[in-house]
Amino acid sequence: ALPISIRDTLKEMNVAHPDIHDISRAIIQIRQSKLPDPALIGNAGSFFKNPETEADTWQRLSELHPGMPHFPLPDGRVKIPAGWLIEQCGWKGFREGDTGCYDKQALVLVNYGNATGRDIYELSEKIMKSVFEKFGVELEREVNVVKE
């Protein structure tokens, strides 16, 4: 799926000459389309940071996975969308008991009911391991983990 752009969202909202408030509404609409409503499905939003790799690592990965999205950084390193890596490992939409990976955004881990913090943590460990095994890239959690 192609990323949803602010420009496209403003067009759908029939806004030809957006002001700051229109842009804000468009961003909120985009985010709401990607994230579950926490009142309905427990989640912590984006669970993993987008990893940054050295240029040579990126070169190797891009040869193995043509079309891999990336963002060049000013220091020569390359940022890779964690959601793409997770999705390529088959996690998007995955559910195990009351934990899972949101079906609209692989970066979001969800609690469908009675999952514990440990359940979510263990799912994140499995995801991190599979991304490392497939791509050689280490994911880092964006959330703060509080020990029980």
Protein backbone atom coordinates (compact mmCIF):
# COMPACT_ATOMS: atom_id res chain seq x y z
CA ALA A 1 0.00 0.00 0.00
CA LEU A 2 1.19 3.49 -0.78
CA PRO A 3 1.70 5.93 2.06
CA ILE A 4 -1.14 8.34 2.67
CA SER A 5 0.02 11.88 1.98
CA ILE A 6 -1.17 15.08 3.58
CA ARG A 7 -1.78 16.51 0.09
CA ASP A 8 -4.05 13.57 -0.85
CA THR A 9 -5.93 13.82 2.44
CA LEU A 10 -6.51 17.56 1.98
CA LYS A 11 -7.81 16.84 -1.53
CA GLU A 12 -10.25 14.26 -0.10
CA MET A 13 -11.34 16.92 2.43
CA ASN A 14 -11.98 19.31 -0.51
CA VAL A 15 -9.46 21.83 0.82
CA ALA A 16 -7.72 23.66 -2.03
CA HIS A 17 -5.86 26.32 -0.02
CA PRO A 18 -5.07 24.80 3.39
CA ASP A 19 -4.23 26.79 6.46
CA ILE A 20 -2.46 25.42 9.55
CA HIS A 21 -5.73 24.12 11.01
CA ASP A 22 -6.58 22.21 7.80
CA ILE A 23 -3.13 20.61 7.81
CA SER A 24 -3.53 19.66 11.47
CA ARG A 25 -6.91 18.04 10.75
CA ALA A 26 -5.41 16.13 7.82
CA ILE A 27 -2.55 14.79 9.97
CA ILE A 28 -4.98 13.72 12.68
CA GLN A 29 -7.15 11.96 10.08
CA ILE A 30 -4.11 10.10 8.69
CA ARG A 31 -2.99 9.01 12.16
CA GLN A 32 -6.48 7.88 13.11
CA SER A 33 -6.64 5.76 9.96
CA LYS A 34 -3.43 3.95 10.98
CA LEU A 35 -3.85 3.59 14.73
CA PRO A 36 -6.53 1.74 16.65
CA ASP A 37 -8.73 3.76 19.00
CA PRO A 38 -7.24 3.03 22.45
CA ALA A 39 -10.75 3.13 23.93
CA LEU A 40 -11.58 0.09 21.78
CA ILE A 41 -8.25 -1.76 21.41
CA GLY A 42 -5.45 -1.35 23.93
CA ASN A 43 -2.20 -0.19 22.32
CA ALA A 44 0.85 1.95 22.96
CA GLY A 45 0.97 3.49 19.51
CA SER A 46 4.22 3.03 17.60
CA PHE A 47 6.10 0.30 19.49
CA PHE A 48 9.45 0.25 17.63
CA LYS A 49 11.86 2.95 16.45
CA ASN A 50 12.84 3.12 12.79
CA PRO A 51 16.36 1.65 12.72
CA GLU A 52 19.29 3.58 11.32
CA THR A 53 21.95 1.62 9.43
CA GLU A 54 25.36 2.34 7.97
CA ALA A 55 25.42 3.03 4.22
CA ASP A 56 27.15 -0.29 3.45
CA THR A 57 24.51 -2.22 5.40
CA TRP A 58 21.79 -0.38 3.49
CA GLN A 59 23.52 -1.19 0.18
CA ARG A 60 23.60 -4.91 1.03
CA LEU A 61 19.95 -4.89 2.11
CA SER A 62 18.77 -2.99 -0.96
CA GLU A 63 20.44 -5.54 -3.24
CA LEU A 64 18.69 -8.39 -1.41
CA HIS A 65 15.36 -6.54 -1.12
CA PRO A 66 14.88 -4.17 -4.09
CA GLY A 67 12.27 -1.52 -3.40
CA MET A 68 12.93 -1.44 0.35
CA PRO A 69 11.77 1.99 1.54
CA HIS A 70 14.45 4.14 3.13
CA PHE A 71 15.32 7.67 4.16
CA PRO A 72 18.89 8.95 3.69
CA LEU A 73 20.18 10.86 6.73
CA PRO A 74 22.50 13.89 6.66
CA ASP A 75 25.35 11.89 8.26
CA GLY A 76 25.32 9.28 5.47
CA ARG A 77 23.42 6.68 7.46
CA VAL A 78 20.07 5.35 6.24
CA LYS A 79 16.80 5.04 8.16
CA ILE A 80 14.57 2.05 7.32
CA PRO A 81 10.87 1.98 8.29
CA ALA A 82 10.48 -0.59 11.08
CA GLY A 83 6.88 -1.18 10.03
CA TRP A 84 8.04 -2.35 6.60
CA LEU A 85 10.60 -4.74 8.11
CA ILE A 86 7.98 -6.17 10.49
CA GLU A 87 5.42 -6.52 7.71
CA GLN A 88 7.93 -8.35 5.48
CA CYS A 89 8.39 -10.89 8.28
CA GLY A 90 4.65 -11.63 8.20
CA TRP A 91 3.65 -10.00 11.50
CA LYS A 92 1.12 -7.44 10.26
CA GLY A 93 -2.33 -8.64 11.33
CA PHE A 94 -0.85 -11.48 13.42
CA ARG A 95 -2.76 -12.45 16.54
CA GLU A 96 -1.85 -14.84 19.33
CA GLY A 97 -4.33 -15.02 22.17
CA ASP A 98 -5.06 -11.46 23.26
CA THR A 99 -1.89 -9.95 21.75
CA GLY A 100 -1.18 -9.05 18.18
CA CYS A 101 0.23 -6.77 15.55
CA TYR A 102 -2.35 -4.28 14.30
CA ASP A 103 -3.70 -5.13 10.85
CA LYS A 104 -3.40 -1.56 9.54
CA GLN A 105 0.06 -0.71 10.93
CA ALA A 106 2.67 -3.34 11.76
CA LEU A 107 4.45 -0.98 14.19
CA VAL A 108 1.51 -1.09 16.59
CA LEU A 109 1.22 -3.96 19.07
CA VAL A 110 -2.26 -4.40 20.46
CA ASN A 111 -4.00 -5.91 23.47
CA TYR A 112 -7.31 -7.42 22.40
CA GLY A 113 -8.51 -7.97 25.93
CA ASN A 114 -6.64 -9.63 28.75
CA ALA A 115 -3.03 -9.68 27.59
CA THR A 116 -0.44 -8.79 30.21
CA GLY A 117 2.54 -6.51 29.81
CA ARG A 118 4.67 -9.66 29.74
CA ASP A 119 2.57 -11.03 26.84
CA ILE A 120 3.15 -7.85 24.83
CA TYR A 121 6.86 -7.84 25.73
CA GLU A 122 7.24 -11.48 24.63
CA LEU A 123 5.51 -10.72 21.31
CA SER A 124 7.89 -7.79 20.79
CA GLU A 125 10.84 -10.14 21.45
CA LYS A 126 9.59 -12.56 18.77
CA ILE A 127 9.16 -9.72 16.28
CA MET A 128 12.62 -8.31 17.01
CA LYS A 129 14.19 -11.76 16.62
CA SER A 130 12.49 -12.46 13.29
CA VAL A 131 13.48 -9.05 11.85
CA PHE A 132 17.09 -9.63 12.91
CA GLU A 133 17.11 -13.15 11.43
CA LYS A 134 15.69 -11.99 8.08
CA PHE A 135 17.44 -8.63 7.66
CA GLY A 136 20.31 -8.52 10.18
CA VAL A 137 18.79 -5.30 11.56
CA GLU A 138 18.16 -4.82 15.26
CA LEU A 139 14.89 -3.15 16.21
CA GLU A 140 14.71 -1.00 19.31
CA ARG A 141 11.56 -0.49 21.33
CA GLU A 142 10.17 3.04 21.27
CA VAL A 143 8.00 2.41 24.32
CA ASN A 144 9.25 2.54 27.89
CA VAL A 145 9.24 -0.92 29.46
CA VAL A 146 8.38 -0.96 33.16
CA LYS A 147 9.49 -4.07 35.03
CA GLU A 148 6.87 -5.90 37.08
